[in-house]
Amino acid sequence: MPNYPSSIKSKLPQVGTTIFTVMSQLAHKNNAINLSQGFPDFESSAELISLVNNAMKKGLNQYAPMPGILSLREQISIKTENLYGAIYHPESEITITAGATQAIYTAIAATIREGDEVIIFTPAYDCYEPAIELNGGKTVFLQMHAPNYKVDWEVVKKLITQRTKMIIINTPHNPTGTVLEEEDMLALEKIVSDTDIVLISDEVYEHIIFDGKQHQSVSKYPGLAERSFIVSSFGKTFHNTGWKMGYCLAPKNLMVEFRKAHQFIVFSANTPVQYGLAEYLKNEENYLSLNSFYQEKRDLFTSLVKDSRFEVLPSSGTYFQLLSYKGVTDASDTDFAIELTEKHKIASIPVSVFYHQKVDEKILRFCVAKKEETLHKAAEIINSI
């Protein structure tokens, strides 16, 4: 046999199996209700599935153009202008990606060099830091805390150095369900003015926002839009996370660099799904109705558990709900999440895993993108604890 090296030095030595995989496997092993990993337990639209199937039958199964099929990019451009008043040219400022995670990685790979600093707000979605590290960057963390998880913009100012290349924001925010308000966006716009700082705005839950709040896309703020990669997700929007389909918006000068990396990371995304989505987006109710659809699920779940020993934390968006268990036990959130799965047959995600240095505030994240019967069964268990 060839004499291969016996060991390779890991570029991500601290990274193991993700908590989402661990908890989902534990849920399966224990036949537990899985409210851990963020995916629906109901089907995507039958109409959308039919549109994708029709594209397959028509033979639209070969490589799509590198930036995505034009008709889909045109529909995204129309949607963005209608919702946020921002114009992105479909030919030069919109790229279809193999999911939002790929778009985030590509934006980082296209812009971050050795030693560049990137500010992220924790608790944070787990793909940010590894992508920064793989590309030689240094992650700078700003911790947010329960129950409101507000960004302290005065602290952000102090974190910025000559090496700060990027800031990553996420609204509506996973895992906390908080949203950035207009005052937040204006504060950020003021901070980055007269700098070369680039932004990634993770807006994958843009259509899942509650209580009459408005999504504050960076595209609405010229001083932010001119320096931002905006990332969104069809999988989150249309209940088909397994299709791994997303997109990125950016001004032309940034998109040129994004596409340089994109073509060598995946080149292009699933062709028949793109054709199906291009048709499906023509009816704006297919995404505008999601706010009320998911608010009903959040409201059902929180009403069912409001008299339990768990405390319901505010959630203004996403399809996640945080519950504090301070009134139940002093156990760590990771230990309690495992106990709930093994003993009580309900799986969740401990929020401490979303921090760089674990901050355990005795809070668990539950996914409410589930059928009503699933939420009722989950609530029965929670109420019994």
Protein backbone atom coordinates (compact mmCIF):
# COMPACT_ATOMS: atom_id res chain seq x y z
CA MET A 1 0.00 0.00 0.00
CA PRO A 2 1.16 3.61 -0.54
CA ASN A 3 2.90 5.13 2.47
CA TYR A 4 0.36 7.83 3.29
CA PRO A 5 0.98 10.20 6.23
CA SER A 6 -0.25 8.64 9.45
CA SER A 7 -1.74 11.90 10.65
CA ILE A 8 -2.88 15.23 9.22
CA LYS A 9 -2.94 18.37 11.30
CA SER A 10 -6.54 19.47 11.55
CA LYS A 11 -7.49 22.97 10.43
CA LEU A 12 -10.48 22.77 12.78
CA PRO A 13 -9.13 20.85 15.80
CA GLN A 14 -11.97 21.89 18.12
CA VAL A 15 -14.76 20.86 15.75
CA GLY A 16 -16.49 17.53 16.19
CA THR A 17 -19.94 16.23 15.31
CA THR A 18 -22.44 19.09 15.49
CA ILE A 19 -24.91 19.25 18.36
CA PHE A 20 -27.72 19.10 15.80
CA THR A 21 -26.54 15.71 14.58
CA VAL A 22 -25.91 14.48 18.12
CA MET A 23 -29.37 15.45 19.38
CA SER A 24 -31.17 14.16 16.30
CA GLN A 25 -29.38 10.82 16.60
CA LEU A 26 -30.23 10.72 20.31
CA ALA A 27 -33.86 11.52 19.52
CA HIS A 28 -33.98 8.70 16.97
CA LYS A 29 -32.31 6.23 19.35
CA ASN A 30 -34.77 7.05 22.14
CA ASN A 31 -37.85 7.40 19.92
CA ALA A 32 -38.21 10.98 21.18
CA ILE A 33 -40.13 13.88 19.67
CA ASN A 34 -37.45 15.81 17.79
CA LEU A 35 -37.75 19.55 18.37
CA SER A 36 -33.97 19.95 18.18
CA GLN A 37 -32.81 20.24 14.58
CA GLY A 38 -34.52 23.03 12.64
CA PHE A 39 -36.65 21.30 10.03
CA PRO A 40 -40.42 20.92 9.57
CA ASP A 41 -42.19 17.58 10.02
CA PHE A 42 -44.75 18.49 7.34
CA GLU A 43 -44.44 18.48 3.57
CA SER A 44 -43.56 21.29 1.22
CA SER A 45 -46.26 22.67 -1.07
CA ALA A 46 -47.71 20.08 -3.43
CA GLU A 47 -47.78 22.77 -6.11
CA LEU A 48 -44.06 23.47 -5.71
CA ILE A 49 -43.21 19.77 -5.78
CA SER A 50 -45.27 19.42 -8.97
CA LEU A 51 -43.47 22.37 -10.58
CA VAL A 52 -40.09 20.81 -9.81
CA ASN A 53 -41.28 17.43 -11.05
CA ASN A 54 -42.52 18.99 -14.30
CA ALA A 55 -39.11 20.59 -14.83
CA MET A 56 -37.49 17.20 -14.39
CA LYS A 57 -39.88 15.60 -16.88
CA LYS A 58 -39.11 18.35 -19.37
CA GLY A 59 -35.46 17.32 -19.28
CA LEU A 60 -34.21 20.35 -17.34
CA ASN A 61 -31.74 18.20 -15.42
CA GLN A 62 -28.30 19.35 -16.53
CA TYR A 63 -26.06 22.06 -15.12
CA ALA A 64 -27.70 25.41 -14.52
CA PRO A 65 -25.74 28.54 -15.42
CA MET A 66 -23.13 29.28 -12.76
CA PRO A 67 -25.07 32.21 -11.18
CA GLY A 68 -28.42 30.39 -11.47
CA ILE A 69 -31.17 30.40 -14.07
CA LEU A 70 -32.12 33.92 -15.07
CA SER A 71 -35.88 33.52 -14.55
CA LEU A 72 -35.35 32.70 -10.86
CA ARG A 73 -32.96 35.61 -10.38
CA GLU A 74 -35.53 37.88 -12.01
CA GLN A 75 -38.23 36.76 -9.59
CA ILE A 76 -35.89 37.34 -6.63
CA SER A 77 -35.16 40.82 -7.95
CA ILE A 78 -38.89 41.58 -8.21
CA LYS A 79 -39.54 40.23 -4.70
CA THR A 80 -36.70 42.24 -3.17
CA GLU A 81 -37.81 45.48 -4.80
CA ASN A 82 -41.46 44.96 -3.81
CA LEU A 83 -40.62 44.17 -0.19
CA TYR A 84 -37.68 46.46 0.55
CA GLY A 85 -37.55 49.02 -2.26
CA ALA A 86 -34.08 47.83 -3.23
CA ILE A 87 -33.08 47.06 -6.81
CA TYR A 88 -30.65 44.20 -7.44
CA HIS A 89 -29.82 43.49 -11.07
CA PRO A 90 -30.64 39.84 -11.83
CA GLU A 91 -27.69 39.39 -14.17
CA SER A 92 -24.92 40.84 -12.02
CA GLU A 93 -26.10 41.12 -8.39
CA ILE A 94 -27.96 37.88 -7.60
CA THR A 95 -26.51 34.36 -7.38
CA ILE A 96 -28.35 31.11 -6.61
CA THR A 97 -26.54 28.89 -4.11
CA ALA A 98 -26.67 25.35 -2.77
CA GLY A 99 -28.24 26.53 0.46
CA ALA A 100 -27.60 29.53 2.69
CA THR A 101 -24.65 27.91 4.47
CA GLN A 102 -22.81 27.65 1.15
CA ALA A 103 -23.58 31.30 0.42
CA ILE A 104 -22.17 32.35 3.81
CA TYR A 105 -19.04 30.26 3.32
CA THR A 106 -18.55 31.60 -0.20
CA ALA A 107 -18.87 35.23 0.91
CA ILE A 108 -16.26 34.63 3.61
CA ALA A 109 -13.94 32.72 1.27
CA ALA A 110 -14.17 35.50 -1.31
CA THR A 111 -13.19 38.30 1.07
CA ILE A 112 -11.36 37.10 4.20
CA ARG A 113 -7.58 36.81 4.20
CA GLU A 114 -5.04 35.61 6.76
CA GLY A 115 -5.33 37.68 9.93
CA ASP A 116 -8.53 39.52 9.01
CA GLU A 117 -10.90 39.97 11.94
CA VAL A 118 -14.61 39.16 11.70
CA ILE A 119 -17.08 40.24 14.39
CA ILE A 120 -19.98 37.91 15.16
CA PHE A 121 -22.69 38.08 17.81
CA THR A 122 -23.13 35.06 20.06
CA PRO A 123 -25.12 32.93 20.55
CA ALA A 124 -24.50 32.45 16.84
CA TYR A 125 -25.37 29.94 14.16
CA ASP A 126 -22.57 27.41 14.12
CA CYS A 127 -21.28 27.79 10.54
CA TYR A 128 -19.81 31.29 10.93
CA GLU A 129 -16.72 30.67 13.03
CA PRO A 130 -15.45 27.54 11.20
CA ALA A 131 -15.74 29.28 7.82
CA ILE A 132 -13.74 32.24 9.16
CA GLU A 133 -11.05 29.94 10.57
CA LEU A 134 -10.76 27.84 7.42
CA ASN A 135 -10.02 31.01 5.47
CA GLY A 136 -7.37 32.28 7.88
CA GLY A 137 -9.48 34.86 9.65
CA LYS A 138 -9.85 35.58 13.35
CA THR A 139 -13.30 35.55 14.92
CA VAL A 140 -14.10 38.34 17.38
CA PHE A 141 -17.07 37.59 19.63
CA LEU A 142 -19.65 39.88 21.17
CA GLN A 143 -21.83 38.07 23.69
CA MET A 144 -25.54 38.76 23.96
CA HIS A 145 -27.58 37.64 26.94
CA ALA A 146 -31.08 36.49 27.83
CA PRO A 147 -33.84 37.37 27.86
CA ASN A 148 -33.68 40.02 25.12
CA TYR A 149 -30.33 39.30 23.41
CA LYS A 150 -29.79 42.92 22.41
CA VAL A 151 -26.67 44.11 20.59
CA ASP A 152 -24.68 46.73 22.49
CA TRP A 153 -23.45 48.90 19.62
CA GLU A 154 -21.09 50.86 21.89
CA VAL A 155 -19.25 47.61 22.55
CA VAL A 156 -19.19 46.89 18.81
CA LYS A 157 -17.40 50.20 18.25
CA LYS A 158 -14.72 49.18 20.77
CA LEU A 159 -14.18 45.81 19.06
CA ILE A 160 -13.35 47.37 15.69
CA THR A 161 -9.65 47.55 14.88
CA GLN A 162 -7.57 48.20 11.79
CA ARG A 163 -7.82 44.48 11.05
CA THR A 164 -11.62 44.33 11.16
CA LYS A 165 -12.71 43.20 7.70
CA MET A 166 -16.26 41.93 8.27
CA ILE A 167 -19.26 41.94 10.59
CA ILE A 168 -21.87 39.16 10.39
CA ILE A 169 -25.43 39.89 11.48
CA ASN A 170 -28.43 37.57 11.61
CA THR A 171 -32.04 38.77 11.71
CA PRO A 172 -34.43 37.19 12.57
CA HIS A 173 -31.88 35.54 14.82
CA ASN A 174 -31.15 31.84 15.26
CA PRO A 175 -31.18 30.57 18.00
CA THR A 176 -32.90 33.33 20.01
CA GLY A 177 -35.80 34.45 17.81
CA THR A 178 -34.91 38.14 18.29
CA VAL A 179 -34.99 40.66 15.45
CA LEU A 180 -32.95 43.76 14.74
CA GLU A 181 -34.96 46.98 14.76
CA GLU A 182 -34.55 50.11 12.64
CA GLU A 183 -32.49 51.74 15.40
CA ASP A 184 -30.07 48.80 15.27
CA MET A 185 -29.60 49.10 11.54
CA LEU A 186 -29.02 52.86 11.75
CA ALA A 187 -26.48 52.34 14.54
CA LEU A 188 -24.64 49.74 12.44
CA GLU A 189 -24.79 51.98 9.37
CA LYS A 190 -23.15 54.79 11.34
CA ILE A 191 -20.44 52.50 12.73
CA VAL A 192 -19.33 51.15 9.34
CA SER A 193 -19.50 54.44 7.47
CA ASP A 194 -16.09 55.62 6.29
CA THR A 195 -14.64 52.11 6.76
CA ASP A 196 -13.84 49.23 4.42
CA ILE A 197 -15.80 46.77 6.55
CA VAL A 198 -17.90 44.24 4.61
CA LEU A 199 -21.13 42.78 6.02
CA ILE A 200 -22.82 39.44 5.74
CA SER A 201 -26.49 39.74 6.60
CA ASP A 202 -27.96 36.30 7.29
CA GLU A 203 -31.66 36.84 6.54
CA VAL A 204 -32.78 33.25 6.03
CA TYR A 205 -35.87 33.75 8.24
CA GLU A 206 -36.89 37.01 6.55
CA HIS A 207 -40.43 35.72 5.95
CA ILE A 208 -40.92 34.33 9.46
CA ILE A 209 -41.40 37.35 11.71
CA PHE A 210 -44.19 37.96 14.20
CA ASP A 211 -46.39 40.44 16.05
CA GLY A 212 -46.57 42.93 13.21
CA LYS A 213 -42.84 43.59 13.21
CA GLN A 214 -41.16 44.44 9.91
CA HIS A 215 -38.06 42.67 8.67
CA GLN A 216 -35.19 45.16 8.59
CA SER A 217 -33.22 43.89 5.61
CA VAL A 218 -29.88 45.63 5.11
CA SER A 219 -31.06 46.21 1.54
CA LYS A 220 -33.29 48.99 2.94
CA TYR A 221 -30.28 50.96 4.17
CA PRO A 222 -28.02 52.29 1.38
CA GLY A 223 -25.01 52.67 3.65
CA LEU A 224 -25.28 49.01 4.56
CA ALA A 225 -26.44 47.61 1.21
CA GLU A 226 -23.39 48.98 -0.60
CA ARG A 227 -21.09 46.78 1.50
CA SER A 228 -23.29 43.74 2.17
CA PHE A 229 -23.77 40.16 1.10
CA ILE A 230 -27.41 39.32 1.89
CA VAL A 231 -28.09 35.60 2.31
CA SER A 232 -31.52 33.98 2.17
CA SER A 233 -32.92 30.46 2.07
CA PHE A 234 -35.64 28.81 0.04
CA GLY A 235 -35.36 25.74 2.27
CA LYS A 236 -36.39 27.70 5.36
CA THR A 237 -39.07 29.63 3.48
CA PHE A 238 -40.77 26.74 1.69
CA HIS A 239 -40.37 23.86 4.18
CA ASN A 240 -37.84 21.86 2.15
CA THR A 241 -34.50 22.17 3.94
CA GLY A 242 -33.24 19.01 2.24
CA TRP A 243 -33.28 20.71 -1.16
CA LYS A 244 -30.39 22.94 0.01
CA MET A 245 -31.35 25.96 -2.05
CA GLY A 246 -30.59 29.59 -1.23
CA TYR A 247 -29.33 32.78 -2.79
CA CYS A 248 -27.09 35.77 -2.26
CA LEU A 249 -27.65 39.44 -3.08
CA ALA A 250 -24.75 41.89 -3.31
CA PRO A 251 -23.70 45.00 -5.25
CA LYS A 252 -21.87 44.16 -8.46
CA ASN A 253 -18.34 44.76 -7.17
CA LEU A 254 -18.88 42.30 -4.30
CA MET A 255 -20.80 39.81 -6.42
CA VAL A 256 -17.91 39.62 -8.91
CA GLU A 257 -15.69 38.35 -6.09
CA PHE A 258 -18.44 36.10 -4.69
CA ARG A 259 -18.87 34.36 -8.05
CA LYS A 260 -15.12 33.82 -8.42
CA ALA A 261 -15.26 31.64 -5.31
CA HIS A 262 -18.73 30.21 -5.97
CA GLN A 263 -17.77 28.67 -9.31
CA PHE A 264 -15.04 26.59 -7.66
CA ILE A 265 -16.96 25.65 -4.51
CA VAL A 266 -20.13 24.28 -6.16
CA PHE A 267 -20.28 25.94 -9.61
CA SER A 268 -24.07 25.77 -9.75
CA ALA A 269 -27.13 24.62 -7.81
CA ASN A 270 -29.95 22.13 -8.50
CA THR A 271 -31.46 22.93 -11.89
CA PRO A 272 -35.05 21.56 -11.77
CA VAL A 273 -35.59 23.02 -8.30
CA GLN A 274 -34.60 26.43 -9.64
CA TYR A 275 -37.17 26.21 -12.43
CA GLY A 276 -39.86 25.16 -9.95
CA LEU A 277 -39.03 28.03 -7.60
CA ALA A 278 -39.02 30.56 -10.44
CA GLU A 279 -42.67 29.71 -11.15
CA TYR A 280 -43.68 29.41 -7.51
CA LEU A 281 -42.34 32.86 -6.59
CA LYS A 282 -44.69 34.50 -9.08
CA ASN A 283 -47.44 34.18 -6.47
CA GLU A 284 -46.28 36.41 -3.62
CA GLU A 285 -48.77 34.85 -1.20
CA ASN A 286 -46.58 31.76 -1.22
CA TYR A 287 -44.12 33.62 1.01
CA LEU A 288 -46.11 36.55 2.42
CA SER A 289 -48.44 34.17 4.25
CA LEU A 290 -45.64 32.58 6.25
CA ASN A 291 -45.59 35.15 9.06
CA SER A 292 -49.11 34.25 10.18
CA PHE A 293 -48.58 30.54 9.45
CA TYR A 294 -45.61 30.29 11.81
CA GLN A 295 -46.94 32.75 14.36
CA GLU A 296 -49.89 30.42 14.86
CA LYS A 297 -47.46 27.61 15.62
CA ARG A 298 -45.42 29.75 18.02
CA ASP A 299 -48.60 30.93 19.76
CA LEU A 300 -49.98 27.40 20.02
CA PHE A 301 -46.80 26.03 21.53
CA THR A 302 -46.31 28.88 24.01
CA SER A 303 -49.97 28.81 25.09
CA LEU A 304 -49.74 25.07 25.72
CA VAL A 305 -46.63 25.35 27.94
CA LYS A 306 -47.30 28.70 29.65
CA ASP A 307 -48.40 27.02 32.92
CA SER A 308 -45.44 24.61 32.99
CA ARG A 309 -42.33 25.01 35.15
CA PHE A 310 -40.52 26.34 32.09
CA GLU A 311 -40.40 30.07 31.32
CA VAL A 312 -41.27 31.22 27.81
CA LEU A 313 -38.75 33.76 26.46
CA PRO A 314 -39.73 36.37 23.84
CA SER A 315 -39.58 35.18 20.22
CA SER A 316 -40.18 37.66 17.40
CA GLY A 317 -39.16 35.51 14.46
CA THR A 318 -37.67 32.24 13.11
CA TYR A 319 -39.35 28.94 13.88
CA PHE A 320 -37.58 28.50 17.21
CA GLN A 321 -38.81 29.09 20.73
CA LEU A 322 -36.54 29.42 23.77
CA LEU A 323 -37.60 28.06 27.15
CA SER A 324 -35.77 28.73 30.41
CA TYR A 325 -35.72 25.81 32.85
CA LYS A 326 -34.28 27.68 35.87
CA GLY A 327 -37.39 26.69 37.81
CA VAL A 328 -36.85 23.00 37.06
CA THR A 329 -33.23 22.06 37.76
CA ASP A 330 -29.69 23.38 38.22
CA ALA A 331 -28.32 20.91 35.68
CA SER A 332 -26.25 22.25 32.78
CA ASP A 333 -28.23 22.85 29.61
CA THR A 334 -26.34 20.10 27.74
CA ASP A 335 -26.96 17.55 30.50
CA PHE A 336 -30.61 18.55 30.83
CA ALA A 337 -31.15 18.36 27.05
CA ILE A 338 -29.81 14.81 27.09
CA GLU A 339 -31.94 13.93 30.12
CA LEU A 340 -35.08 15.29 28.44
CA THR A 341 -34.36 13.21 25.35
CA GLU A 342 -33.52 9.96 27.10
CA LYS A 343 -35.94 10.10 30.04
CA HIS A 344 -38.83 12.25 28.83
CA LYS A 345 -38.62 11.57 25.06
CA ILE A 346 -38.36 15.15 23.82
CA ALA A 347 -35.26 16.56 22.11
CA SER A 348 -34.11 20.18 22.13
CA ILE A 349 -30.86 22.12 21.65
CA PRO A 350 -28.93 23.65 24.58
CA VAL A 351 -28.30 27.32 23.82
CA SER A 352 -24.81 27.29 25.39
CA VAL A 353 -23.46 25.46 22.32
CA PHE A 354 -24.05 28.59 20.24
CA TYR A 355 -21.46 30.50 22.29
CA HIS A 356 -17.68 30.46 21.77
CA GLN A 357 -17.07 30.18 25.48
CA LYS A 358 -20.11 28.40 26.82
CA VAL A 359 -22.58 30.70 28.51
CA ASP A 360 -25.07 28.49 30.31
CA GLU A 361 -28.17 30.51 31.20
CA LYS A 362 -30.33 27.37 31.59
CA ILE A 363 -32.12 27.82 28.27
CA LEU A 364 -33.13 25.30 25.61
CA ARG A 365 -34.17 25.90 21.99
CA PHE A 366 -37.23 24.12 20.63
CA CYS A 367 -38.22 24.03 16.95
CA VAL A 368 -41.93 24.79 16.48
CA ALA A 369 -42.02 24.12 12.72
CA LYS A 370 -44.09 21.04 13.42
CA LYS A 371 -47.60 19.70 12.93
CA GLU A 372 -50.14 20.69 15.57
CA GLU A 373 -50.32 17.14 16.86
CA THR A 374 -46.53 17.12 17.34
CA LEU A 375 -46.65 20.39 19.29
CA HIS A 376 -49.49 19.08 21.48
CA LYS A 377 -47.53 15.91 22.30
CA ALA A 378 -44.39 17.92 23.03
CA ALA A 379 -46.29 20.30 25.31
CA GLU A 380 -47.81 17.38 27.24
CA ILE A 381 -44.32 16.16 28.03
CA ILE A 382 -43.06 19.62 29.01
CA ASN A 383 -46.07 20.16 31.27
CA SER A 384 -45.41 16.86 33.02
CA ILE A 385 -41.85 17.77 34.05
